[in-house]
N, C-alpha and C. Protein backbone atom coordinates (compact mmCIF):
# COMPACT_ATOMS: atom_id res chain seq x y z
N UNK A 1 -27.01 -25.01 12.40
CA UNK A 1 -28.58 -24.23 11.44
C UNK A 1 -28.11 -22.88 10.24
N UNK A 2 -28.13 -23.08 9.46
CA UNK A 2 -28.35 -22.26 8.54
C UNK A 2 -29.18 -21.22 9.43
N UNK A 3 -28.71 -19.75 9.21
CA UNK A 3 -29.30 -18.57 9.75
C UNK A 3 -29.53 -17.69 8.57
N UNK A 4 -30.33 -16.75 8.62
CA UNK A 4 -30.04 -15.67 7.06
C UNK A 4 -30.08 -14.65 8.18
N UNK A 5 -29.75 -13.51 7.29
CA UNK A 5 -29.44 -12.20 7.95
C UNK A 5 -29.92 -10.99 6.96
N UNK A 6 -29.76 -10.13 7.23
CA UNK A 6 -30.80 -9.12 6.70
C UNK A 6 -29.94 -8.06 5.40
N UNK A 7 -30.19 -8.15 4.52
CA UNK A 7 -29.60 -7.73 3.29
C UNK A 7 -29.51 -6.05 3.11
N UNK A 8 -30.63 -5.47 4.04
CA UNK A 8 -30.66 -3.72 4.08
C UNK A 8 -31.62 -3.67 3.05
N UNK A 9 -32.01 -4.49 1.84
CA UNK A 9 -33.25 -4.07 1.04
C UNK A 9 -34.71 -4.94 1.99
N UNK A 10 -35.56 -4.54 1.69
CA UNK A 10 -36.74 -4.75 2.32
C UNK A 10 -37.44 -6.00 1.90
N UNK A 11 -37.09 -7.08 2.76
CA UNK A 11 -37.95 -8.32 2.19
C UNK A 11 -37.02 -9.31 2.23
N UNK A 12 -35.67 -8.68 1.89
CA UNK A 12 -34.67 -9.72 1.30
C UNK A 12 -33.86 -10.25 2.21
N UNK A 13 -33.92 -11.54 2.35
CA UNK A 13 -32.86 -12.04 3.29
C UNK A 13 -31.84 -13.16 2.97
N UNK A 14 -30.28 -12.83 3.61
CA UNK A 14 -29.11 -13.67 2.80
C UNK A 14 -29.34 -14.94 4.20
N UNK A 15 -28.50 -15.69 3.03
CA UNK A 15 -27.71 -16.63 3.79
C UNK A 15 -25.72 -16.13 4.08
N UNK A 16 -25.35 -17.01 5.14
CA UNK A 16 -23.97 -17.30 4.76
C UNK A 16 -23.28 -18.12 4.40
N UNK A 17 -22.42 -17.92 2.87
CA UNK A 17 -21.97 -18.78 1.80
C UNK A 17 -22.95 -18.61 0.62
N UNK A 18 -23.72 -17.38 0.75
CA UNK A 18 -23.88 -17.49 -0.69
C UNK A 18 -23.27 -16.41 -1.94
N UNK A 19 -23.69 -16.92 -2.82
CA UNK A 19 -23.29 -15.99 -4.22
C UNK A 19 -24.20 -15.58 -4.72
N UNK A 20 -24.49 -14.50 -5.35
CA UNK A 20 -25.54 -13.42 -5.90
C UNK A 20 -25.13 -13.25 -6.71
N UNK A 21 -25.34 -13.13 -8.02
CA UNK A 21 -25.28 -11.88 -9.30
C UNK A 21 -26.46 -10.74 -8.81
N UNK A 22 -26.25 -9.55 -8.87
CA UNK A 22 -27.56 -8.59 -8.40
C UNK A 22 -27.82 -7.88 -9.94
N UNK A 23 -28.50 -7.85 -10.96
CA UNK A 23 -28.67 -6.88 -11.94
C UNK A 23 -29.44 -5.74 -11.69
N UNK A 24 -29.09 -4.50 -11.99
CA UNK A 24 -29.02 -3.41 -11.89
C UNK A 24 -29.05 -2.52 -13.58
N UNK A 25 -30.04 -1.62 -13.34
CA UNK A 25 -29.65 -0.47 -14.54
C UNK A 25 -29.13 0.86 -14.29
N UNK A 26 -27.95 1.32 -14.59
CA UNK A 26 -27.38 2.30 -14.32
C UNK A 26 -26.67 2.95 -12.62
N UNK A 27 -26.66 3.86 -12.43
CA UNK A 27 -25.57 4.04 -11.75
C UNK A 27 -26.77 4.30 -10.51
N UNK A 28 -27.96 4.78 -10.38
CA UNK A 28 -28.64 5.47 -9.93
C UNK A 28 -29.17 4.29 -8.86
N UNK A 29 -29.59 2.90 -9.80
CA UNK A 29 -30.25 1.27 -9.52
C UNK A 29 -29.30 0.69 -8.93
N UNK A 30 -28.14 0.91 -9.02
CA UNK A 30 -26.58 -0.11 -8.71
C UNK A 30 -26.76 0.78 -6.65
N UNK A 31 -26.55 2.13 -6.55
CA UNK A 31 -26.39 2.69 -5.33
C UNK A 31 -27.37 2.31 -4.22
N UNK A 32 -28.61 1.86 -5.00
CA UNK A 32 -30.41 1.34 -4.15
C UNK A 32 -29.55 -0.03 -3.99
N UNK A 33 -28.73 -0.98 -4.55
CA UNK A 33 -28.81 -2.34 -3.68
C UNK A 33 -27.19 -1.94 -3.11
N UNK A 34 -25.98 -1.26 -3.40
CA UNK A 34 -24.96 -1.32 -2.97
C UNK A 34 -25.18 -0.97 -1.54
N UNK A 35 -25.88 0.37 -1.59
CA UNK A 35 -25.12 0.98 -0.24
C UNK A 35 -25.71 0.46 1.02
N UNK A 36 -27.67 0.42 0.94
CA UNK A 36 -28.17 -0.42 2.17
C UNK A 36 -27.40 -1.17 2.18
N UNK A 37 -26.77 -1.95 1.06
CA UNK A 37 -26.57 -3.58 1.79
C UNK A 37 -24.98 -3.56 2.65
N UNK A 38 -24.11 -2.69 2.21
CA UNK A 38 -23.25 -2.05 3.02
C UNK A 38 -23.53 -1.68 4.29
N UNK A 39 -24.61 -0.60 4.30
CA UNK A 39 -24.68 0.19 5.62
C UNK A 39 -25.51 -0.97 6.85
N UNK A 40 -26.83 -1.77 6.34
CA UNK A 40 -27.01 -2.89 7.00
C UNK A 40 -25.76 -3.94 7.52
N UNK A 41 -24.61 -4.25 6.94
CA UNK A 41 -23.70 -5.14 7.49
C UNK A 41 -22.85 -3.87 8.21
N UNK A 42 -22.54 -2.86 8.30
CA UNK A 42 -21.76 -1.82 9.17
C UNK A 42 -23.03 -1.97 10.63
N UNK A 43 -24.04 -2.05 10.47
CA UNK A 43 -25.02 -1.69 11.01
C UNK A 43 -25.36 -3.17 12.44
N UNK A 44 -24.49 -4.33 11.37
CA UNK A 44 -25.03 -5.51 12.32
C UNK A 44 -23.48 -5.74 12.76
N UNK A 45 -22.84 -5.29 12.45
CA UNK A 45 -21.09 -5.53 12.89
C UNK A 45 -20.22 -6.56 12.02
N UNK A 46 -20.61 -6.36 10.97
CA UNK A 46 -20.06 -7.36 10.14
C UNK A 46 -18.58 -6.51 9.13
N UNK A 47 -17.66 -7.27 8.97
CA UNK A 47 -16.77 -6.78 8.08
C UNK A 47 -17.15 -6.67 6.39
N UNK A 48 -17.56 -5.76 6.33
CA UNK A 48 -17.86 -5.42 4.59
C UNK A 48 -16.60 -5.00 3.47
N UNK A 49 -16.47 -6.02 2.71
CA UNK A 49 -15.13 -5.83 1.87
C UNK A 49 -15.80 -5.81 -0.01
N UNK A 50 -15.43 -4.47 0.19
CA UNK A 50 -16.28 -3.69 -1.23
C UNK A 50 -15.07 -3.27 -2.41
N UNK A 51 -15.30 -3.79 -3.43
CA UNK A 51 -14.58 -3.05 -4.39
C UNK A 51 -14.87 -3.03 -5.56
N UNK A 52 -15.20 -1.67 -5.93
CA UNK A 52 -15.85 -0.93 -6.77
C UNK A 52 -15.23 -0.55 -8.14
N UNK A 53 -15.96 -0.17 -9.33
CA UNK A 53 -15.12 -0.11 -10.65
C UNK A 53 -15.60 1.31 -10.84
N UNK A 54 -16.40 2.17 -10.72
CA UNK A 54 -16.94 3.39 -10.59
C UNK A 54 -16.22 4.21 -9.69
N UNK A 55 -15.41 5.33 -10.24
CA UNK A 55 -15.08 6.12 -9.36
C UNK A 55 -16.10 6.61 -8.14
N UNK A 56 -17.46 7.01 -8.86
CA UNK A 56 -18.83 7.60 -8.24
C UNK A 56 -18.91 6.54 -6.97
N UNK A 57 -19.36 5.42 -7.18
CA UNK A 57 -19.28 4.55 -6.64
C UNK A 57 -18.43 4.50 -5.38
N UNK A 58 -17.28 4.43 -5.59
CA UNK A 58 -16.53 4.44 -4.40
C UNK A 58 -16.40 5.42 -3.68
N UNK A 59 -16.88 6.50 -4.12
CA UNK A 59 -16.23 8.00 -3.80
C UNK A 59 -18.39 7.54 -2.37
N UNK A 60 -19.11 7.01 -2.72
CA UNK A 60 -20.68 6.90 -2.55
C UNK A 60 -20.05 5.85 -1.03
N UNK A 61 -18.89 4.86 -1.48
CA UNK A 61 -18.83 4.17 -0.27
C UNK A 61 -18.11 4.20 0.85
N UNK A 62 -17.31 4.81 0.22
CA UNK A 62 -16.29 5.64 1.21
C UNK A 62 -17.41 7.15 2.23
N UNK A 63 -17.82 7.46 1.72
CA UNK A 63 -18.88 8.40 2.47
C UNK A 63 -19.70 7.44 3.46
N UNK A 64 -20.21 6.21 3.55
CA UNK A 64 -20.58 5.39 4.51
C UNK A 64 -19.45 5.31 5.71
N UNK A 65 -18.15 5.47 5.65
CA UNK A 65 -17.27 5.31 6.80
C UNK A 65 -17.87 3.97 7.62
N UNK A 66 -17.30 4.34 9.10
CA UNK A 66 -17.70 3.24 10.07
C UNK A 66 -18.83 4.51 11.15
N UNK A 67 -19.05 5.03 10.58
CA UNK A 67 -20.17 6.05 11.74
C UNK A 67 -21.23 4.98 11.55
N UNK A 68 -21.86 4.33 10.35
CA UNK A 68 -23.17 3.57 10.48
C UNK A 68 -23.28 2.30 12.04
N UNK A 69 -22.04 1.87 12.38
CA UNK A 69 -22.54 1.24 13.43
C UNK A 69 -20.64 0.48 13.59
N UNK A 70 -21.54 -0.67 14.21
CA UNK A 70 -19.81 -1.40 15.03
C UNK A 70 -19.17 -1.88 13.57
N UNK A 71 -19.45 -2.09 12.63
CA UNK A 71 -18.75 -3.09 11.57
C UNK A 71 -17.39 -2.21 11.14
N UNK A 72 -17.15 -3.17 10.36
CA UNK A 72 -15.87 -2.27 9.53
C UNK A 72 -15.72 -2.57 7.89
N UNK A 73 -15.40 -1.54 7.15
CA UNK A 73 -15.44 -1.47 5.84
C UNK A 73 -14.11 -1.19 5.72
N UNK A 74 -14.20 -2.02 4.72
CA UNK A 74 -12.79 -1.76 3.36
C UNK A 74 -13.20 -2.22 2.07
N UNK A 75 -13.34 -0.50 1.39
CA UNK A 75 -13.79 -0.19 0.12
C UNK A 75 -11.97 -0.10 -0.55
N UNK A 76 -11.99 -0.53 -1.90
CA UNK A 76 -10.87 -0.75 -2.64
C UNK A 76 -11.41 -0.42 -3.87
N UNK A 77 -10.89 -0.42 -5.00
CA UNK A 77 -11.21 -0.03 -6.44
C UNK A 77 -10.99 -1.45 -7.11
N UNK A 78 -11.40 -1.36 -8.31
CA UNK A 78 -11.06 -2.14 -9.56
C UNK A 78 -9.08 -2.63 -9.95
N UNK A 79 -8.81 -1.25 -9.74
CA UNK A 79 -7.35 -0.98 -10.60
C UNK A 79 -6.41 -1.79 -9.59
N UNK A 80 -6.26 -1.82 -8.06
CA UNK A 80 -5.79 -2.34 -6.87
C UNK A 80 -6.29 -3.62 -6.76
N UNK A 81 -6.88 -4.21 -7.24
CA UNK A 81 -7.59 -5.59 -6.73
C UNK A 81 -8.17 -6.70 -8.28
N UNK A 82 -8.89 -6.54 -9.14
CA UNK A 82 -9.68 -7.03 -10.12
C UNK A 82 -8.38 -7.02 -11.54
N UNK A 83 -7.81 -5.85 -11.57
CA UNK A 83 -6.86 -5.70 -12.73
C UNK A 83 -5.74 -4.79 -11.96
N UNK A 84 -4.90 -5.17 -10.66
CA UNK A 84 -4.12 -5.15 -10.24
C UNK A 84 -2.54 -5.21 -11.44
N UNK A 85 -1.62 -4.51 -11.47
CA UNK A 85 -0.98 -4.75 -12.64
C UNK A 85 -1.39 -4.24 -13.94
N UNK A 86 -2.38 -4.09 -14.33
CA UNK A 86 -2.74 -3.91 -15.49
C UNK A 86 -4.07 -4.90 -16.14
N UNK A 87 -3.75 -6.39 -15.41
CA UNK A 87 -4.60 -7.38 -16.17
C UNK A 87 -5.25 -8.76 -14.81
N UNK A 88 -6.11 -8.94 -15.06
CA UNK A 88 -6.89 -9.75 -14.64
C UNK A 88 -6.92 -10.93 -14.28
N UNK A 89 -6.34 -11.77 -13.23
CA UNK A 89 -5.34 -13.07 -12.68
C UNK A 89 -6.12 -14.04 -12.06
N UNK A 90 -6.98 -14.84 -12.44
CA UNK A 90 -8.09 -15.54 -11.71
C UNK A 90 -7.72 -16.00 -10.20
N UNK A 91 -6.45 -16.83 -10.12
CA UNK A 91 -6.08 -17.40 -9.09
C UNK A 91 -5.64 -16.22 -7.97
N UNK A 92 -4.98 -14.48 -8.21
CA UNK A 92 -4.67 -13.69 -7.80
C UNK A 92 -6.28 -12.94 -6.96
N UNK A 93 -6.95 -13.18 -7.58
CA UNK A 93 -8.20 -12.10 -7.15
C UNK A 93 -8.74 -13.65 -6.51
N UNK A 94 -9.30 -14.45 -6.53
CA UNK A 94 -9.87 -15.40 -5.63
C UNK A 94 -8.66 -15.34 -4.10
N UNK A 95 -7.67 -15.67 -4.51
CA UNK A 95 -6.53 -15.52 -2.95
C UNK A 95 -6.88 -14.11 -2.61
N UNK A 96 -7.04 -13.01 -3.13
CA UNK A 96 -7.48 -11.86 -2.09
C UNK A 96 -8.59 -12.13 -1.26
N UNK A 97 -9.75 -12.36 -2.23
CA UNK A 97 -10.91 -12.95 -1.41
C UNK A 97 -10.78 -13.62 -0.31
N UNK A 98 -10.04 -14.97 -0.39
CA UNK A 98 -9.63 -15.83 0.97
C UNK A 98 -8.76 -15.50 1.68
N UNK A 99 -8.06 -14.67 1.29
CA UNK A 99 -7.08 -13.95 2.20
C UNK A 99 -7.73 -12.95 3.51
N UNK A 100 -8.46 -12.06 2.50
CA UNK A 100 -9.06 -11.01 3.46
C UNK A 100 -10.26 -11.28 4.12
N UNK A 101 -11.38 -12.40 4.04
CA UNK A 101 -11.94 -12.97 4.79
C UNK A 101 -11.68 -14.29 5.81
N UNK A 102 -10.30 -14.86 5.48
CA UNK A 102 -9.83 -15.48 6.77
C UNK A 102 -9.63 -14.67 7.56
N UNK A 103 -9.23 -13.36 6.95
CA UNK A 103 -8.32 -13.09 8.32
C UNK A 103 -9.10 -12.25 8.78
N UNK A 104 -10.40 -11.61 8.22
CA UNK A 104 -11.23 -11.11 9.02
C UNK A 104 -12.22 -12.21 10.13
N UNK A 105 -12.17 -13.15 9.82
CA UNK A 105 -13.03 -14.55 10.63
C UNK A 105 -12.49 -14.74 11.44
N UNK A 106 -10.80 -15.08 11.26
CA UNK A 106 -10.14 -16.16 12.08
C UNK A 106 -8.99 -15.29 13.01
N UNK A 107 -8.63 -14.05 12.64
CA UNK A 107 -7.67 -13.03 13.12
C UNK A 107 -8.73 -11.44 13.75
N UNK A 108 -9.47 -11.20 12.91
CA UNK A 108 -10.49 -10.17 13.79
C UNK A 108 -11.27 -10.62 14.21
N UNK A 109 -11.74 -11.59 14.38
CA UNK A 109 -13.27 -12.04 15.02
C UNK A 109 -14.39 -11.99 14.66
N UNK A 110 -14.72 -11.10 13.53
CA UNK A 110 -15.92 -11.29 12.73
C UNK A 110 -16.81 -12.48 12.28
N UNK A 111 -17.72 -12.55 12.94
CA UNK A 111 -19.09 -13.65 12.63
C UNK A 111 -19.22 -13.25 11.19
N UNK A 112 -19.63 -12.18 10.26
CA UNK A 112 -19.83 -12.22 9.20
C UNK A 112 -18.95 -11.38 8.28
N UNK A 113 -18.51 -12.19 6.75
CA UNK A 113 -18.16 -10.45 5.69
C UNK A 113 -19.48 -10.47 5.14
N UNK A 114 -19.24 -9.50 4.48
CA UNK A 114 -20.29 -8.89 3.09
C UNK A 114 -18.89 -8.62 2.48
N UNK A 115 -19.07 -9.23 1.31
CA UNK A 115 -18.08 -8.90 0.24
C UNK A 115 -19.17 -8.65 -1.11
N UNK A 116 -18.46 -7.71 -1.95
CA UNK A 116 -19.17 -7.19 -3.25
C UNK A 116 -18.54 -6.14 -4.05
N UNK A 117 -18.33 -7.06 -5.19
CA UNK A 117 -17.05 -6.76 -6.22
C UNK A 117 -18.41 -5.70 -7.26
N UNK A 118 -18.30 -4.84 -8.02
CA UNK A 118 -18.94 -4.67 -9.10
C UNK A 118 -18.03 -4.64 -10.55
N UNK A 119 -18.51 -4.95 -11.35
CA UNK A 119 -18.08 -6.25 -12.14
C UNK A 119 -17.59 -5.71 -13.74
N UNK A 120 -18.02 -4.41 -14.01
CA UNK A 120 -17.81 -3.82 -15.22
C UNK A 120 -16.53 -3.93 -15.53
N UNK A 121 -15.82 -3.82 -14.91
CA UNK A 121 -13.93 -3.87 -15.22
C UNK A 121 -13.57 -5.19 -16.33
N UNK A 122 -14.80 -6.03 -16.19
CA UNK A 122 -14.58 -7.14 -17.21
C UNK A 122 -14.29 -6.79 -18.41
N UNK A 123 -15.28 -5.51 -18.87
CA UNK A 123 -15.55 -5.01 -20.07
C UNK A 123 -14.40 -4.54 -20.70
N UNK A 124 -13.35 -4.15 -19.52
CA UNK A 124 -12.71 -3.24 -19.88
C UNK A 124 -11.47 -3.64 -20.99
N UNK A 125 -11.34 -4.94 -21.47
CA UNK A 125 -10.44 -5.44 -22.35
C UNK A 125 -9.46 -5.46 -22.22
N UNK A 126 -8.96 -5.17 -20.55
CA UNK A 126 -7.38 -5.50 -20.13
C UNK A 126 -6.89 -6.98 -20.07
N UNK A 127 -6.07 -7.47 -20.31
CA UNK A 127 -5.60 -9.03 -20.90
C UNK A 127 -5.98 -9.71 -19.48
N UNK A 128 -6.84 -11.16 -19.51
CA UNK A 128 -7.16 -11.68 -18.45
C UNK A 128 -8.64 -11.80 -18.30
N UNK A 129 -9.29 -10.54 -18.72
CA UNK A 129 -11.10 -10.09 -18.23
C UNK A 129 -11.85 -11.32 -19.42
N UNK A 130 -11.47 -12.79 -19.86
CA UNK A 130 -11.88 -13.20 -20.84
C UNK A 130 -12.11 -14.47 -19.87
N UNK A 131 -11.39 -14.46 -18.50
CA UNK A 131 -11.64 -15.40 -17.42
C UNK A 131 -12.76 -14.77 -16.47
N UNK A 132 -13.27 -14.15 -16.95
CA UNK A 132 -14.36 -13.67 -15.76
C UNK A 132 -15.53 -14.84 -15.41
N UNK A 133 -15.95 -16.21 -16.56
CA UNK A 133 -16.92 -16.62 -15.87
C UNK A 133 -16.58 -17.98 -15.27
N UNK A 134 -15.06 -18.33 -15.71
CA UNK A 134 -14.70 -18.98 -14.99
C UNK A 134 -14.10 -18.61 -13.52
N UNK A 135 -13.72 -17.28 -12.81
CA UNK A 135 -13.63 -16.98 -12.25
C UNK A 135 -15.20 -17.32 -11.06
N UNK A 136 -15.99 -16.59 -12.14
CA UNK A 136 -17.39 -16.44 -10.97
C UNK A 136 -17.35 -18.21 -10.42
N UNK A 137 -17.37 -19.13 -11.53
CA UNK A 137 -17.69 -20.26 -11.13
C UNK A 137 -16.65 -20.90 -10.05
N UNK A 138 -15.59 -20.55 -9.78
CA UNK A 138 -14.46 -21.01 -9.27
C UNK A 138 -14.81 -20.41 -7.58
N UNK A 139 -15.50 -19.26 -7.96
CA UNK A 139 -15.69 -18.79 -6.35
C UNK A 139 -16.75 -19.66 -5.41
N UNK A 140 -17.41 -20.57 -6.10
CA UNK A 140 -18.72 -21.44 -5.72
C UNK A 140 -17.87 -22.38 -4.93
N UNK A 141 -16.75 -22.52 -5.30
CA UNK A 141 -15.71 -23.57 -4.66
C UNK A 141 -15.20 -23.28 -3.17
N UNK A 142 -14.97 -21.95 -3.11
CA UNK A 142 -14.62 -21.01 -2.10
C UNK A 142 -15.33 -20.64 -1.11
N UNK A 143 -16.45 -20.11 -1.58
CA UNK A 143 -17.01 -19.40 -0.51
C UNK A 143 -18.14 -20.11 0.10
N UNK A 144 -18.72 -21.34 0.25
CA UNK A 144 -19.94 -22.07 1.07
C UNK A 144 -18.40 -22.29 2.51
N UNK A 145 -17.27 -22.15 2.24
CA UNK A 145 -16.08 -22.56 3.44
C UNK A 145 -16.40 -21.23 4.86
N UNK A 146 -16.74 -20.15 4.55
CA UNK A 146 -16.87 -19.28 5.21
C UNK A 146 -18.30 -18.44 5.45
N UNK A 147 -18.74 -17.77 6.25
CA UNK A 147 -19.73 -17.07 6.65
C UNK A 147 -19.81 -15.54 6.09
N UNK A 148 -19.33 -15.77 4.57
CA UNK A 148 -19.60 -14.72 3.62
C UNK A 148 -20.41 -14.63 2.68
N UNK A 149 -21.34 -13.53 2.68
CA UNK A 149 -22.07 -13.02 1.67
C UNK A 149 -21.48 -12.23 0.15
N UNK A 150 -21.29 -12.92 -0.76
CA UNK A 150 -20.76 -12.38 -1.97
C UNK A 150 -22.00 -11.46 -3.12
N UNK A 151 -21.74 -10.39 -2.84
CA UNK A 151 -22.85 -9.66 -3.90
C UNK A 151 -22.02 -9.16 -5.29
N UNK A 152 -22.61 -9.57 -6.60
CA UNK A 152 -21.49 -9.47 -7.53
C UNK A 152 -22.69 -9.00 -8.04
N UNK A 153 -22.22 -7.29 -8.45
CA UNK A 153 -22.90 -6.35 -9.44
C UNK A 153 -22.94 -6.39 -11.04
N UNK A 154 -23.85 -6.66 -11.77
CA UNK A 154 -23.68 -6.51 -12.98
C UNK A 154 -24.79 -5.31 -13.52
N UNK A 155 -24.35 -4.61 -14.53
CA UNK A 155 -25.28 -3.24 -15.07
C UNK A 155 -25.58 -3.92 -16.14
N UNK A 156 -26.94 -3.82 -16.00
CA UNK A 156 -27.49 -4.42 -17.67
C UNK A 156 -27.69 -3.65 -18.69
N UNK A 157 -27.10 -2.29 -18.92
CA UNK A 157 -26.71 -1.40 -19.38
C UNK A 157 -25.45 -1.33 -19.90
N UNK A 158 -24.33 -1.77 -19.64
CA UNK A 158 -23.02 -2.34 -19.90
C UNK A 158 -23.03 -3.72 -20.13
N UNK A 159 -23.79 -4.98 -19.51
CA UNK A 159 -23.75 -6.00 -20.15
C UNK A 159 -24.79 -6.39 -20.55
N UNK A 160 -25.10 -6.14 -22.23
CA UNK A 160 -26.39 -6.12 -22.66
C UNK A 160 -26.57 -7.17 -23.62
N UNK A 161 -25.08 -8.18 -23.59
CA UNK A 161 -24.75 -9.45 -24.77
C UNK A 161 -26.32 -10.50 -23.95
N UNK A 162 -27.16 -10.68 -24.64
CA UNK A 162 -27.86 -12.01 -23.29
C UNK A 162 -26.86 -13.47 -23.71
N UNK A 163 -26.26 -13.53 -24.34
CA UNK A 163 -25.52 -14.64 -24.17
C UNK A 163 -24.70 -14.88 -22.87
N UNK A 164 -23.86 -13.94 -22.67
CA UNK A 164 -23.24 -13.23 -21.46
C UNK A 164 -23.96 -13.36 -20.34
N UNK A 165 -25.20 -12.60 -20.14
CA UNK A 165 -25.75 -12.77 -19.14
C UNK A 165 -26.71 -13.90 -18.96
N UNK A 166 -26.70 -14.86 -19.83
CA UNK A 166 -27.01 -16.43 -19.12
C UNK A 166 -25.92 -16.64 -18.67
N UNK A 167 -24.46 -16.58 -19.18
CA UNK A 167 -23.73 -17.42 -18.67
C UNK A 167 -23.18 -16.60 -17.20
N UNK A 168 -23.68 -15.51 -17.22
CA UNK A 168 -23.71 -14.96 -15.88
C UNK A 168 -24.35 -16.01 -14.85
N UNK A 169 -25.39 -16.20 -15.34
CA UNK A 169 -26.71 -16.59 -14.48
C UNK A 169 -26.20 -17.82 -14.15
N UNK A 170 -25.46 -18.87 -14.93
CA UNK A 170 -24.99 -20.48 -14.99
C UNK A 170 -23.94 -20.14 -13.93
N UNK A 171 -23.18 -19.05 -13.09
CA UNK A 171 -22.15 -19.23 -12.50
C UNK A 171 -22.49 -18.62 -10.63
N UNK A 172 -23.96 -18.34 -10.75
CA UNK A 172 -24.78 -17.73 -9.63
C UNK A 172 -25.66 -18.49 -9.15
N UNK A 173 -25.33 -19.40 -7.77
CA UNK A 173 -26.25 -20.01 -7.72
C UNK A 173 -27.64 -19.08 -7.18
N UNK A 174 -27.77 -17.90 -6.70
CA UNK A 174 -28.81 -16.99 -6.58
C UNK A 174 -28.69 -15.71 -7.48
N UNK A 175 -29.97 -14.90 -7.74
CA UNK A 175 -30.25 -13.95 -8.34
C UNK A 175 -30.74 -12.88 -7.86
N UNK A 176 -30.48 -12.06 -7.84
CA UNK A 176 -30.84 -10.56 -7.04
C UNK A 176 -31.38 -9.74 -8.24
N UNK A 177 -32.94 -9.50 -8.50
CA UNK A 177 -33.65 -8.61 -9.62
C UNK A 177 -34.61 -7.64 -9.35
N UNK A 178 -34.76 -6.63 -9.36
CA UNK A 178 -35.76 -6.29 -9.09
C UNK A 178 -36.85 -6.36 -7.66
N UNK A 179 -35.49 -6.01 -7.16
CA UNK A 179 -35.56 -6.23 -5.37
C UNK A 179 -36.08 -7.47 -4.78
N UNK A 180 -35.99 -8.30 -5.54
CA UNK A 180 -36.20 -9.74 -5.08
C UNK A 180 -35.53 -10.68 -5.07
N UNK A 181 -34.94 -11.61 -4.38
CA UNK A 181 -33.78 -12.63 -4.27
C UNK A 181 -34.28 -13.89 -4.70
N UNK A 182 -33.85 -14.34 -5.95
CA UNK A 182 -34.52 -15.97 -6.37
C UNK A 182 -33.62 -16.86 -6.33
N UNK A 183 -33.85 -18.27 -5.72
CA UNK A 183 -32.97 -19.32 -6.46
C UNK A 183 -32.67 -19.38 -8.16
N UNK A 184 -31.81 -19.14 -8.34
CA UNK A 184 -31.29 -19.36 -9.82
C UNK A 184 -31.56 -20.77 -10.46
N UNK A 185 -32.55 -21.13 -11.48
CA UNK A 185 -32.81 -22.46 -12.06
C UNK A 185 -31.67 -22.83 -12.84
N UNK A 186 -30.86 -21.23 -13.43
CA UNK A 186 -29.87 -21.83 -14.73
C UNK A 186 -28.23 -21.83 -14.24
N UNK A 187 -28.06 -22.24 -12.69
CA UNK A 187 -27.38 -22.18 -11.89
C UNK A 187 -26.34 -23.74 -12.38
N UNK A 188 -24.84 -23.49 -12.77
CA UNK A 188 -24.19 -24.93 -12.99
C UNK A 188 -23.48 -24.85 -11.72
N UNK A 189 -23.32 -26.27 -11.65
CA UNK A 189 -22.06 -26.13 -10.42
C UNK A 189 -20.67 -26.76 -11.01
N UNK A 190 -20.10 -26.07 -10.43
CA UNK A 190 -18.30 -25.83 -10.71
C UNK A 190 -18.26 -26.98 -11.81
N UNK A 191 -18.27 -28.18 -10.69
CA UNK A 191 -17.39 -29.13 -11.51
C UNK A 191 -17.83 -29.69 -12.90
N UNK A 192 -19.01 -29.34 -13.09
CA UNK A 192 -19.88 -29.41 -14.06
C UNK A 192 -19.39 -27.94 -15.57
N UNK A 193 -19.77 -26.62 -14.46
CA UNK A 193 -19.39 -25.67 -15.61
C UNK A 193 -18.21 -25.16 -16.15
N UNK A 194 -17.19 -25.93 -14.92
CA UNK A 194 -15.59 -25.93 -15.66
C UNK A 194 -15.19 -26.57 -16.78
N UNK A 195 -16.25 -27.54 -17.06
CA UNK A 195 -15.75 -28.62 -17.91
C UNK A 195 -16.24 -27.86 -19.39
N UNK A 196 -16.86 -26.85 -19.54
CA UNK A 196 -17.67 -26.49 -20.28
C UNK A 196 -16.63 -25.02 -21.19
N UNK A 197 -17.39 -24.97 -22.30
CA UNK A 197 -16.31 -23.96 -23.12
C UNK A 197 -17.39 -22.78 -23.02
N UNK A 198 -17.32 -21.55 -22.06
CA UNK A 198 -18.06 -20.77 -22.11
C UNK A 198 -17.90 -19.73 -23.31
N UNK A 199 -19.40 -19.04 -23.31
CA UNK A 199 -19.24 -17.84 -23.95
C UNK A 199 -17.75 -17.01 -23.79
N UNK A 200 -17.11 -16.33 -24.49
CA UNK A 200 -15.94 -15.02 -23.80
C UNK A 200 -16.89 -13.63 -23.74
N UNK A 201 -16.10 -13.40 -22.93
CA UNK A 201 -16.66 -11.90 -22.20
C UNK A 201 -16.06 -10.84 -23.18
N UNK A 202 -17.11 -10.15 -24.17
CA UNK A 202 -16.18 -9.11 -25.36
C UNK A 202 -15.63 -8.25 -25.15
């Protein structure tokens, strides 16, 4: 039986294996999503894997520490993960998540992993970032294999192109917006999406 777990947000329950795009506007709204999500995971005893792009977000996340509960927090930045060596490589990043999640479940004995990525690195113009949407679609092949909840943070003040936002929706089965978690009617399964020619990320 698939069970749900508290998100840290009022009235929002999450399912292991979920891949969610969370839309917000500006740093304040980001932190209102990010910090309760991680805090709830720490209280529940989850492994929390967090990659931030904004140094202010990283500082806020690290301030949580592990005093919140029995869980564990692994906080990193986009320069050491998504943009390691100055460019984005899809297979490398999926491998990062898979290795980290597998280690948490198999080696460390966690029953649930919460992963979160702040996605504004994709607007950096660095080599490889045009692969964002392929990467997001391919994550849907990996995530259901583990009790992992993945939250992708998209700032609508930065991702302002409507065509790109629609493509982001097409690569996430669920969307979190305005405090509500919704099943996404625009979602396209990876075997169909990856055969398309998605809009490039500017």
